[in-house]
Amino acid sequence: MNARVNSTLQVGQLLRVLRRVEGRKKLHKQVHILQELGYPFAERFEYSYYGMYSRELRAEVVSLVKDSLVQEKASPNQAAELTYTFESTPALDEFLDGSEVPKEPPWAPIAKHLNSLHTKQLEGVSTILFLHRRGLRGRELRERFHALKPHLKDIYPRCEQEASSLLAAHVRPAAS
């Protein structure tokens, strides 16, 4: 099985574990955070206006939707902008049950926890982990965060605490 199929299966597995993810942005932040914690999600991320974004992840989700394994529903939010919700389908369960992916992967509990967090908090945590990986700590990290995410300044302490808890609880494998 090629790497593209494996990574699409893993995204499908994530959506099966979560059953429902409210928002494209939220899904991207969850996958990025899981990756930063050392879990084997293969998508490449780049920094964008809303934080970490992966074109590969978007293509994988489009593929899952196209194959009717995941439903993507658009609905207007309070600001009258479209927001997208992803839901796994029985076809996804059947498909994954026929593959070699485990029903409950080791990252499932943390994924469920991340899915319970607000999208803005995930954006903050994802950004902190991105900056942390680049060697920023303490005051330097906070100042850079505030420069990149001024709209999240008020929730920085909560995001920093969440990121620290995640890093402490999940020992990352050594970089190869």
C-alpha atoms as a PDB file:
ATOM      1  CA  MET A   1       0.000   0.000   0.000  1.00  0.00           C
ATOM      2  CA  ASN A   2       1.467   3.364  -0.942  1.00  0.00           C
ATOM      3  CA  ALA A   3       2.051   6.186   1.533  1.00  0.00           C
ATOM      4  CA  ARG A   4      -0.815   8.311   0.136  1.00  0.00           C
ATOM      5  CA  VAL A   5      -3.322   5.498   0.699  1.00  0.00           C
ATOM      6  CA  ASN A   6      -1.930   4.840   4.186  1.00  0.00           C
ATOM      7  CA  SER A   7      -2.208   8.498   5.201  1.00  0.00           C
ATOM      8  CA  THR A   8      -5.753   8.701   3.801  1.00  0.00           C
ATOM      9  CA  LEU A   9      -6.643   5.574   5.790  1.00  0.00           C
ATOM     10  CA  GLN A  10      -5.217   7.169   8.917  1.00  0.00           C
ATOM     11  CA  VAL A  11      -7.321  10.298   8.386  1.00  0.00           C
ATOM     12  CA  GLY A  12     -10.334   8.026   7.882  1.00  0.00           C
ATOM     13  CA  GLN A  13      -9.399   6.231  11.075  1.00  0.00           C
ATOM     14  CA  LEU A  14      -9.250   9.570  12.914  1.00  0.00           C
ATOM     15  CA  LEU A  15     -12.706  10.491  11.645  1.00  0.00           C
ATOM     16  CA  ARG A  16     -14.027   7.074  12.675  1.00  0.00           C
ATOM     17  CA  VAL A  17     -12.615   7.519  16.191  1.00  0.00           C
ATOM     18  CA  LEU A  18     -14.086  11.024  16.501  1.00  0.00           C
ATOM     19  CA  ARG A  19     -17.326  10.288  14.584  1.00  0.00           C
ATOM     20  CA  ARG A  20     -17.811  14.036  14.017  1.00  0.00           C
ATOM     21  CA  VAL A  21     -15.498  17.039  13.619  1.00  0.00           C
ATOM     22  CA  GLU A  22     -17.000  20.502  13.376  1.00  0.00           C
ATOM     23  CA  GLY A  23     -14.847  22.554  11.043  1.00  0.00           C
ATOM     24  CA  ARG A  24     -12.070  22.151   8.516  1.00  0.00           C
ATOM     25  CA  LYS A  25      -9.824  24.341  10.627  1.00  0.00           C
ATOM     26  CA  LYS A  26     -10.447  22.151  13.672  1.00  0.00           C
ATOM     27  CA  LEU A  27      -9.554  18.998  11.752  1.00  0.00           C
ATOM     28  CA  HIS A  28      -6.298  20.520  10.491  1.00  0.00           C
ATOM     29  CA  LYS A  29      -5.303  21.652  13.981  1.00  0.00           C
ATOM     30  CA  GLN A  30      -6.062  18.220  15.483  1.00  0.00           C
ATOM     31  CA  VAL A  31      -3.947  16.381  12.907  1.00  0.00           C
ATOM     32  CA  HIS A  32      -1.124  18.900  13.280  1.00  0.00           C
ATOM     33  CA  ILE A  33      -1.127  18.591  17.081  1.00  0.00           C
ATOM     34  CA  LEU A  34      -1.147  14.783  16.904  1.00  0.00           C
ATOM     35  CA  GLN A  35       1.787  14.983  14.491  1.00  0.00           C
ATOM     36  CA  GLU A  36       3.656  17.390  16.806  1.00  0.00           C
ATOM     37  CA  LEU A  37       3.150  14.896  19.637  1.00  0.00           C
ATOM     38  CA  GLY A  38       4.947  12.270  17.581  1.00  0.00           C
ATOM     39  CA  TYR A  39       2.039  10.295  16.164  1.00  0.00           C
ATOM     40  CA  PRO A  40       2.627   9.085  12.599  1.00  0.00           C
ATOM     41  CA  PHE A  41       0.461  11.410  10.544  1.00  0.00           C
ATOM     42  CA  ALA A  42       2.365  11.983   7.306  1.00  0.00           C
ATOM     43  CA  GLU A  43       0.781  15.208   6.057  1.00  0.00           C
ATOM     44  CA  ARG A  44       3.020  18.215   5.394  1.00  0.00           C
ATOM     45  CA  PHE A  45       1.850  21.383   7.098  1.00  0.00           C
ATOM     46  CA  GLU A  46       2.626  24.982   6.290  1.00  0.00           C
ATOM     47  CA  TYR A  47       1.890  28.071   8.307  1.00  0.00           C
ATOM     48  CA  SER A  48      -1.035  30.128   7.001  1.00  0.00           C
ATOM     49  CA  TYR A  49      -3.269  32.906   8.282  1.00  0.00           C
ATOM     50  CA  TYR A  50      -5.313  30.514  10.445  1.00  0.00           C
ATOM     51  CA  GLY A  51      -2.264  28.563  11.546  1.00  0.00           C
ATOM     52  CA  MET A  52      -1.079  25.207  10.355  1.00  0.00           C
ATOM     53  CA  TYR A  53      -2.690  23.975   7.130  1.00  0.00           C
ATOM     54  CA  SER A  54      -2.078  20.910   4.977  1.00  0.00           C
ATOM     55  CA  ARG A  55      -3.050  20.682   1.325  1.00  0.00           C
ATOM     56  CA  GLU A  56      -2.457  16.936   1.577  1.00  0.00           C
ATOM     57  CA  LEU A  57      -4.939  16.605   4.430  1.00  0.00           C
ATOM     58  CA  ARG A  58      -7.505  18.592   2.462  1.00  0.00           C
ATOM     59  CA  ALA A  59      -7.011  16.277  -0.544  1.00  0.00           C
ATOM     60  CA  GLU A  60      -7.349  13.194   1.663  1.00  0.00           C
ATOM     61  CA  VAL A  61     -10.611  14.461   3.129  1.00  0.00           C
ATOM     62  CA  VAL A  62     -11.908  15.289  -0.360  1.00  0.00           C
ATOM     63  CA  SER A  63     -11.072  11.719  -1.392  1.00  0.00           C
ATOM     64  CA  LEU A  64     -12.903  10.258   1.619  1.00  0.00           C
ATOM     65  CA  VAL A  65     -15.948  12.432   0.866  1.00  0.00           C
ATOM     66  CA  LYS A  66     -15.855  11.552  -2.839  1.00  0.00           C
ATOM     67  CA  ASP A  67     -15.819   7.849  -1.947  1.00  0.00           C
ATOM     68  CA  SER A  68     -18.813   8.380   0.413  1.00  0.00           C
ATOM     69  CA  LEU A  69     -16.782   7.242   3.415  1.00  0.00           C
ATOM     70  CA  VAL A  70     -17.154  10.629   5.121  1.00  0.00           C
ATOM     71  CA  GLN A  71     -19.970  13.149   4.883  1.00  0.00           C
ATOM     72  CA  GLU A  72     -19.134  16.830   4.641  1.00  0.00           C
ATOM     73  CA  LYS A  73     -22.000  19.139   5.503  1.00  0.00           C
ATOM     74  CA  ALA A  74     -21.919  22.904   5.026  1.00  0.00           C
ATOM     75  CA  SER A  75     -24.010  25.186   7.200  1.00  0.00           C
ATOM     76  CA  PRO A  76     -23.892  28.898   8.019  1.00  0.00           C
ATOM     77  CA  ASN A  77     -22.422  29.919  11.362  1.00  0.00           C
ATOM     78  CA  GLN A  78     -23.395  32.934  13.483  1.00  0.00           C
ATOM     79  CA  ALA A  79     -21.413  35.247  11.182  1.00  0.00           C
ATOM     80  CA  ALA A  80     -23.319  33.870   8.144  1.00  0.00           C
ATOM     81  CA  GLU A  81     -20.137  32.175   6.893  1.00  0.00           C
ATOM     82  CA  LEU A  82     -20.179  28.548   5.806  1.00  0.00           C
ATOM     83  CA  THR A  83     -18.687  26.077   8.234  1.00  0.00           C
ATOM     84  CA  TYR A  84     -18.125  22.410   7.427  1.00  0.00           C
ATOM     85  CA  THR A  85     -18.820  19.387   9.573  1.00  0.00           C
ATOM     86  CA  PHE A  86     -17.312  15.994   8.866  1.00  0.00           C
ATOM     87  CA  GLU A  87     -19.042  12.805   9.952  1.00  0.00           C
ATOM     88  CA  SER A  88     -17.915   9.246   9.502  1.00  0.00           C
ATOM     89  CA  THR A  89     -20.319   6.885   7.769  1.00  0.00           C
ATOM     90  CA  PRO A  90     -21.132   3.193   8.177  1.00  0.00           C
ATOM     91  CA  ALA A  91     -19.300   2.709   4.864  1.00  0.00           C
ATOM     92  CA  LEU A  92     -16.126   4.076   6.495  1.00  0.00           C
ATOM     93  CA  ASP A  93     -16.494   1.615   9.389  1.00  0.00           C
ATOM     94  CA  GLU A  94     -16.974  -1.253   6.960  1.00  0.00           C
ATOM     95  CA  PHE A  95     -14.045  -0.153   4.815  1.00  0.00           C
ATOM     96  CA  LEU A  96     -11.666   0.267   7.764  1.00  0.00           C
ATOM     97  CA  ASP A  97     -12.794  -3.016   9.329  1.00  0.00           C
ATOM     98  CA  GLY A  98     -11.606  -4.676   6.115  1.00  0.00           C
ATOM     99  CA  SER A  99      -8.189  -3.002   6.331  1.00  0.00           C
ATOM    100  CA  GLU A 100      -5.266  -3.520   8.672  1.00  0.00           C
ATOM    101  CA  VAL A 101      -5.806  -0.392  10.769  1.00  0.00           C
ATOM    102  CA  PRO A 102      -6.601  -0.961  14.451  1.00  0.00           C
ATOM    103  CA  LYS A 103     -10.069  -0.001  15.622  1.00  0.00           C
ATOM    104  CA  GLU A 104      -8.687   1.960  18.594  1.00  0.00           C
ATOM    105  CA  PRO A 105      -5.245   3.430  17.731  1.00  0.00           C
ATOM    106  CA  PRO A 106      -2.873   4.572  20.499  1.00  0.00           C
ATOM    107  CA  TRP A 107      -3.628   8.223  19.760  1.00  0.00           C
ATOM    108  CA  ALA A 108      -7.422   7.833  20.082  1.00  0.00           C
ATOM    109  CA  PRO A 109      -7.770   9.206  23.655  1.00  0.00           C
ATOM    110  CA  ILE A 110      -5.782  12.347  22.863  1.00  0.00           C
ATOM    111  CA  ALA A 111      -7.715  12.840  19.597  1.00  0.00           C
ATOM    112  CA  LYS A 112     -10.988  12.658  21.519  1.00  0.00           C
ATOM    113  CA  HIS A 113      -9.663  15.174  24.030  1.00  0.00           C
ATOM    114  CA  LEU A 114      -8.563  17.543  21.249  1.00  0.00           C
ATOM    115  CA  ASN A 115     -11.971  17.239  19.592  1.00  0.00           C
ATOM    116  CA  SER A 116     -13.579  18.466  22.818  1.00  0.00           C
ATOM    117  CA  LEU A 117     -11.579  21.720  22.724  1.00  0.00           C
ATOM    118  CA  HIS A 118     -12.716  24.925  21.029  1.00  0.00           C
ATOM    119  CA  THR A 119     -11.214  25.597  17.599  1.00  0.00           C
ATOM    120  CA  LYS A 120      -9.516  28.801  18.777  1.00  0.00           C
ATOM    121  CA  GLN A 121      -7.804  26.918  21.592  1.00  0.00           C
ATOM    122  CA  LEU A 122      -6.615  24.283  19.122  1.00  0.00           C
ATOM    123  CA  GLU A 123      -5.294  27.073  16.876  1.00  0.00           C
ATOM    124  CA  GLY A 124      -3.351  28.457  19.845  1.00  0.00           C
ATOM    125  CA  VAL A 125      -2.007  25.067  20.950  1.00  0.00           C
ATOM    126  CA  SER A 126      -1.009  24.178  17.384  1.00  0.00           C
ATOM    127  CA  THR A 127       0.841  27.482  17.016  1.00  0.00           C
ATOM    128  CA  ILE A 128       2.621  27.055  20.351  1.00  0.00           C
ATOM    129  CA  LEU A 129       3.770  23.546  19.377  1.00  0.00           C
ATOM    130  CA  PHE A 130       4.929  24.884  15.993  1.00  0.00           C
ATOM    131  CA  LEU A 131       6.993  27.598  17.710  1.00  0.00           C
ATOM    132  CA  HIS A 132       8.215  25.208  20.409  1.00  0.00           C
ATOM    133  CA  ARG A 133       9.591  22.823  17.772  1.00  0.00           C
ATOM    134  CA  ARG A 134      11.543  25.762  16.374  1.00  0.00           C
ATOM    135  CA  GLY A 135      13.248  26.242  19.730  1.00  0.00           C
ATOM    136  CA  LEU A 136      11.241  29.140  21.139  1.00  0.00           C
ATOM    137  CA  ARG A 137      10.554  29.034  24.874  1.00  0.00           C
ATOM    138  CA  GLY A 138       9.236  31.294  27.618  1.00  0.00           C
ATOM    139  CA  ARG A 139       9.001  34.989  26.892  1.00  0.00           C
ATOM    140  CA  GLU A 140      10.312  34.644  23.332  1.00  0.00           C
ATOM    141  CA  LEU A 141       7.604  32.085  22.523  1.00  0.00           C
ATOM    142  CA  ARG A 142       4.873  34.238  24.089  1.00  0.00           C
ATOM    143  CA  GLU A 143       5.977  37.362  22.208  1.00  0.00           C
ATOM    144  CA  ARG A 144       6.141  35.549  18.885  1.00  0.00           C
ATOM    145  CA  PHE A 145       2.730  33.974  19.546  1.00  0.00           C
ATOM    146  CA  HIS A 146       1.235  37.395  20.267  1.00  0.00           C
ATOM    147  CA  ALA A 147       2.754  38.768  17.059  1.00  0.00           C
ATOM    148  CA  LEU A 148       1.340  35.886  14.992  1.00  0.00           C
ATOM    149  CA  LYS A 149      -1.974  35.498  16.790  1.00  0.00           C
ATOM    150  CA  PRO A 150      -3.026  38.828  18.329  1.00  0.00           C
ATOM    151  CA  HIS A 151      -6.672  37.671  18.238  1.00  0.00           C
ATOM    152  CA  LEU A 152      -5.749  34.815  20.612  1.00  0.00           C
ATOM    153  CA  LYS A 153      -3.768  36.920  23.092  1.00  0.00           C
ATOM    154  CA  ASP A 154      -6.427  36.581  25.811  1.00  0.00           C
ATOM    155  CA  ILE A 155      -6.384  32.784  25.721  1.00  0.00           C
ATOM    156  CA  TYR A 156      -2.597  32.375  25.477  1.00  0.00           C
ATOM    157  CA  PRO A 157      -2.196  31.187  29.105  1.00  0.00           C
ATOM    158  CA  ARG A 158      -4.817  28.463  28.606  1.00  0.00           C
ATOM    159  CA  CYS A 159      -3.247  27.413  25.284  1.00  0.00           C
ATOM    160  CA  GLU A 160       0.241  27.359  26.810  1.00  0.00           C
ATOM    161  CA  GLN A 161      -0.989  25.215  29.715  1.00  0.00           C
ATOM    162  CA  GLU A 162      -2.716  22.789  27.330  1.00  0.00           C
ATOM    163  CA  ALA A 163       0.374  22.547  25.100  1.00  0.00           C
ATOM    164  CA  SER A 164       2.613  21.929  28.131  1.00  0.00           C
ATOM    165  CA  SER A 165       0.268  19.219  29.425  1.00  0.00           C
ATOM    166  CA  LEU A 166       0.189  17.529  26.034  1.00  0.00           C
ATOM    167  CA  LEU A 167       3.976  17.613  25.676  1.00  0.00           C
ATOM    168  CA  ALA A 168       4.493  16.287  29.222  1.00  0.00           C
ATOM    169  CA  ALA A 169       2.038  13.427  28.716  1.00  0.00           C
ATOM    170  CA  HIS A 170       3.265  12.356  25.283  1.00  0.00           C
ATOM    171  CA  VAL A 171       6.922  11.591  24.918  1.00  0.00           C
ATOM    172  CA  ARG A 172       7.853  12.244  21.323  1.00  0.00           C
ATOM    173  CA  PRO A 173       9.991   9.697  19.501  1.00  0.00           C
ATOM    174  CA  ALA A 174      13.492  10.884  18.674  1.00  0.00           C
ATOM    175  CA  ALA A 175      13.761  12.582  15.299  1.00  0.00           C
ATOM    176  CA  SER A 176      15.309  10.409  12.651  1.00  0.00           C
END
